[in-house]
Structures are given as C-alpha cells and as structure tokens.
C-alpha cells in the first residue's frame, strides 16, 4: 500500500463511509479527482475498501476483512513487550 492509499484508508477509518467527491473535497489531495477514483478502485479490488450503493450515491468504507489483511508495521508491533505473568497455559490437565 503506497502513501496515498494509506492516507485514504486512515481518513475513512476516522470519518466512516464517504463518497469519492466527499473524500476529494475534504482531503484536498495534491492529485486529480480522476486519480482519486483510480486509487479508490484499486483499494476496492485489493479488499481494503468496499463500495456501497450505485452511481452518485456510492460510498466507500473500510472492508470488514481489512483488520485481517492490513499491513503490519513490524517496528511498532515489536515495541510492545509481552507480559508473561498474564499468560496461563493449561499444562496436562
């Protein structure tokens, strides 16, 4: 996922379902509306977003499977230390 795609996904995580025009107007990106539409189409095909509705009423929102397939920032992931005291394993019960 490139920087522009990531910014759109993060924005939709905060704002919820929006049309492409709403995204373009609110984010004021430094690229064209046609480019935004192409990026949204790519995000839908990659299952990061889903489109709901038809025509002018189409809204884009985060896909339910996004939590599973989202990219992981490995540095951030390994920042947390595991507390082994909270782990209880059933040993030969």
C-alpha atoms as a PDB file:
ATOM      1  CA  UNK A   1       0.000   0.000   0.000  1.00  0.00           C
ATOM      2  CA  UNK A   2       1.504   3.315  -1.025  1.00  0.00           C
ATOM      3  CA  UNK A   3       1.391   6.606   0.905  1.00  0.00           C
ATOM      4  CA  UNK A   4      -1.692   7.979  -0.891  1.00  0.00           C
ATOM      5  CA  UNK A   5      -3.646   4.763  -0.376  1.00  0.00           C
ATOM      6  CA  UNK A   6      -2.664   4.666   3.287  1.00  0.00           C
ATOM      7  CA  UNK A   7      -3.842   8.268   3.828  1.00  0.00           C
ATOM      8  CA  UNK A   8      -7.235   7.499   2.250  1.00  0.00           C
ATOM      9  CA  UNK A   9      -7.689   4.353   4.362  1.00  0.00           C
ATOM     10  CA  UNK A  10      -6.715   6.211   7.552  1.00  0.00           C
ATOM     11  CA  UNK A  11      -9.140   9.023   6.684  1.00  0.00           C
ATOM     12  CA  UNK A  12     -12.012   6.581   6.130  1.00  0.00           C
ATOM     13  CA  UNK A  13     -11.209   4.808   9.404  1.00  0.00           C
ATOM     14  CA  UNK A  14     -11.830   8.114  11.170  1.00  0.00           C
ATOM     15  CA  UNK A  15     -14.711   9.521   9.101  1.00  0.00           C
ATOM     16  CA  UNK A  16     -16.621   6.388   8.074  1.00  0.00           C
ATOM     17  CA  UNK A  17     -18.352   5.848   4.715  1.00  0.00           C
ATOM     18  CA  UNK A  18     -17.882   8.704   2.232  1.00  0.00           C
ATOM     19  CA  UNK A  19     -18.408   9.278  -1.478  1.00  0.00           C
ATOM     20  CA  UNK A  20     -15.388   9.866  -3.698  1.00  0.00           C
ATOM     21  CA  UNK A  21     -16.423  13.523  -4.061  1.00  0.00           C
ATOM     22  CA  UNK A  22     -16.613  13.935  -0.255  1.00  0.00           C
ATOM     23  CA  UNK A  23     -13.184  12.365   0.133  1.00  0.00           C
ATOM     24  CA  UNK A  24     -11.725  14.630  -2.560  1.00  0.00           C
ATOM     25  CA  UNK A  25     -13.316  17.801  -1.149  1.00  0.00           C
ATOM     26  CA  UNK A  26     -12.406  17.084   2.474  1.00  0.00           C
ATOM     27  CA  UNK A  27      -8.880  15.753   1.984  1.00  0.00           C
ATOM     28  CA  UNK A  28      -7.887  18.295  -0.700  1.00  0.00           C
ATOM     29  CA  UNK A  29      -5.238  15.971  -2.145  1.00  0.00           C
ATOM     30  CA  UNK A  30      -2.448  17.185  -4.420  1.00  0.00           C
ATOM     31  CA  UNK A  31      -3.671  14.925  -7.250  1.00  0.00           C
ATOM     32  CA  UNK A  32      -6.710  14.967  -9.527  1.00  0.00           C
ATOM     33  CA  UNK A  33     -10.197  13.646  -8.880  1.00  0.00           C
ATOM     34  CA  UNK A  34      -9.640  11.020 -11.607  1.00  0.00           C
ATOM     35  CA  UNK A  35      -6.532   9.803  -9.764  1.00  0.00           C
ATOM     36  CA  UNK A  36      -8.514   9.545  -6.524  1.00  0.00           C
ATOM     37  CA  UNK A  37     -11.180   7.473  -8.294  1.00  0.00           C
ATOM     38  CA  UNK A  38      -8.457   5.142  -9.627  1.00  0.00           C
ATOM     39  CA  UNK A  39      -6.909   4.790  -6.159  1.00  0.00           C
ATOM     40  CA  UNK A  40     -10.325   4.011  -4.653  1.00  0.00           C
ATOM     41  CA  UNK A  41     -10.934   1.398  -7.347  1.00  0.00           C
ATOM     42  CA  UNK A  42      -7.553  -0.190  -6.578  1.00  0.00           C
ATOM     43  CA  UNK A  43      -8.307  -0.236  -2.842  1.00  0.00           C
ATOM     44  CA  UNK A  44     -11.647  -1.940  -3.514  1.00  0.00           C
ATOM     45  CA  UNK A  45     -10.004  -4.569  -5.737  1.00  0.00           C
ATOM     46  CA  UNK A  46      -7.391  -5.203  -3.013  1.00  0.00           C
ATOM     47  CA  UNK A  47     -10.214  -5.679  -0.425  1.00  0.00           C
ATOM     48  CA  UNK A  48      -9.122  -2.725   1.714  1.00  0.00           C
ATOM     49  CA  UNK A  49     -12.381  -0.886   0.939  1.00  0.00           C
ATOM     50  CA  UNK A  50     -15.908  -1.816  -0.084  1.00  0.00           C
ATOM     51  CA  UNK A  51     -18.252   0.266  -2.225  1.00  0.00           C
ATOM     52  CA  UNK A  52     -21.868   0.580  -1.145  1.00  0.00           C
ATOM     53  CA  UNK A  53     -24.518   1.957  -3.481  1.00  0.00           C
ATOM     54  CA  UNK A  54     -24.553   2.904  -7.143  1.00  0.00           C
ATOM     55  CA  UNK A  55     -23.776   5.993  -9.198  1.00  0.00           C
ATOM     56  CA  UNK A  56     -23.613   9.281  -7.326  1.00  0.00           C
ATOM     57  CA  UNK A  57     -24.807   7.546  -4.161  1.00  0.00           C
ATOM     58  CA  UNK A  58     -21.766   5.253  -3.987  1.00  0.00           C
ATOM     59  CA  UNK A  59     -19.964   5.410  -0.648  1.00  0.00           C
ATOM     60  CA  UNK A  60     -16.605   3.866   0.172  1.00  0.00           C
ATOM     61  CA  UNK A  61     -15.861   2.387   3.573  1.00  0.00           C
ATOM     62  CA  UNK A  62     -13.315   0.151   5.243  1.00  0.00           C
ATOM     63  CA  UNK A  63     -13.750  -3.504   4.314  1.00  0.00           C
ATOM     64  CA  UNK A  64     -14.673  -5.910   7.136  1.00  0.00           C
ATOM     65  CA  UNK A  65     -11.637  -8.023   6.204  1.00  0.00           C
ATOM     66  CA  UNK A  66      -9.271  -5.042   6.459  1.00  0.00           C
ATOM     67  CA  UNK A  67      -8.375  -5.924  10.068  1.00  0.00           C
ATOM     68  CA  UNK A  68      -7.083  -9.276   8.813  1.00  0.00           C
ATOM     69  CA  UNK A  69      -5.257  -8.157   5.676  1.00  0.00           C
ATOM     70  CA  UNK A  70      -3.975  -4.735   6.710  1.00  0.00           C
ATOM     71  CA  UNK A  71      -0.228  -4.191   6.520  1.00  0.00           C
ATOM     72  CA  UNK A  72       1.627  -4.564   9.804  1.00  0.00           C
ATOM     73  CA  UNK A  73       4.250  -2.059  10.911  1.00  0.00           C
ATOM     74  CA  UNK A  74       6.779  -4.539  12.282  1.00  0.00           C
ATOM     75  CA  UNK A  75       8.706  -1.938  14.291  1.00  0.00           C
ATOM     76  CA  UNK A  76       5.529  -0.806  16.032  1.00  0.00           C
ATOM     77  CA  UNK A  77       4.410  -4.418  16.539  1.00  0.00           C
ATOM     78  CA  UNK A  78       7.607  -5.357  18.361  1.00  0.00           C
ATOM     79  CA  UNK A  79       7.659  -2.217  20.537  1.00  0.00           C
ATOM     80  CA  UNK A  80       5.255  -3.832  22.984  1.00  0.00           C
ATOM     81  CA  UNK A  81       6.741  -6.212  25.484  1.00  0.00           C
ATOM     82  CA  UNK A  82       4.783  -9.295  26.358  1.00  0.00           C
ATOM     83  CA  UNK A  83       3.823  -9.712  29.993  1.00  0.00           C
ATOM     84  CA  UNK A  84       4.369 -13.411  30.673  1.00  0.00           C
ATOM     85  CA  UNK A  85       2.589 -13.238  34.033  1.00  0.00           C
ATOM     86  CA  UNK A  86      -0.764 -12.854  32.266  1.00  0.00           C
ATOM     87  CA  UNK A  87      -0.302 -15.979  30.162  1.00  0.00           C
ATOM     88  CA  UNK A  88      -1.750 -19.132  31.648  1.00  0.00           C
ATOM     89  CA  UNK A  89      -1.331 -22.329  29.735  1.00  0.00           C
ATOM     90  CA  UNK A  90      -3.242 -25.490  30.583  1.00  0.00           C
ATOM     91  CA  UNK A  91      -0.449 -27.932  31.265  1.00  0.00           C
ATOM     92  CA  UNK A  92      -1.516 -31.583  31.084  1.00  0.00           C
ATOM     93  CA  UNK A  93      -4.986 -31.058  32.512  1.00  0.00           C
END
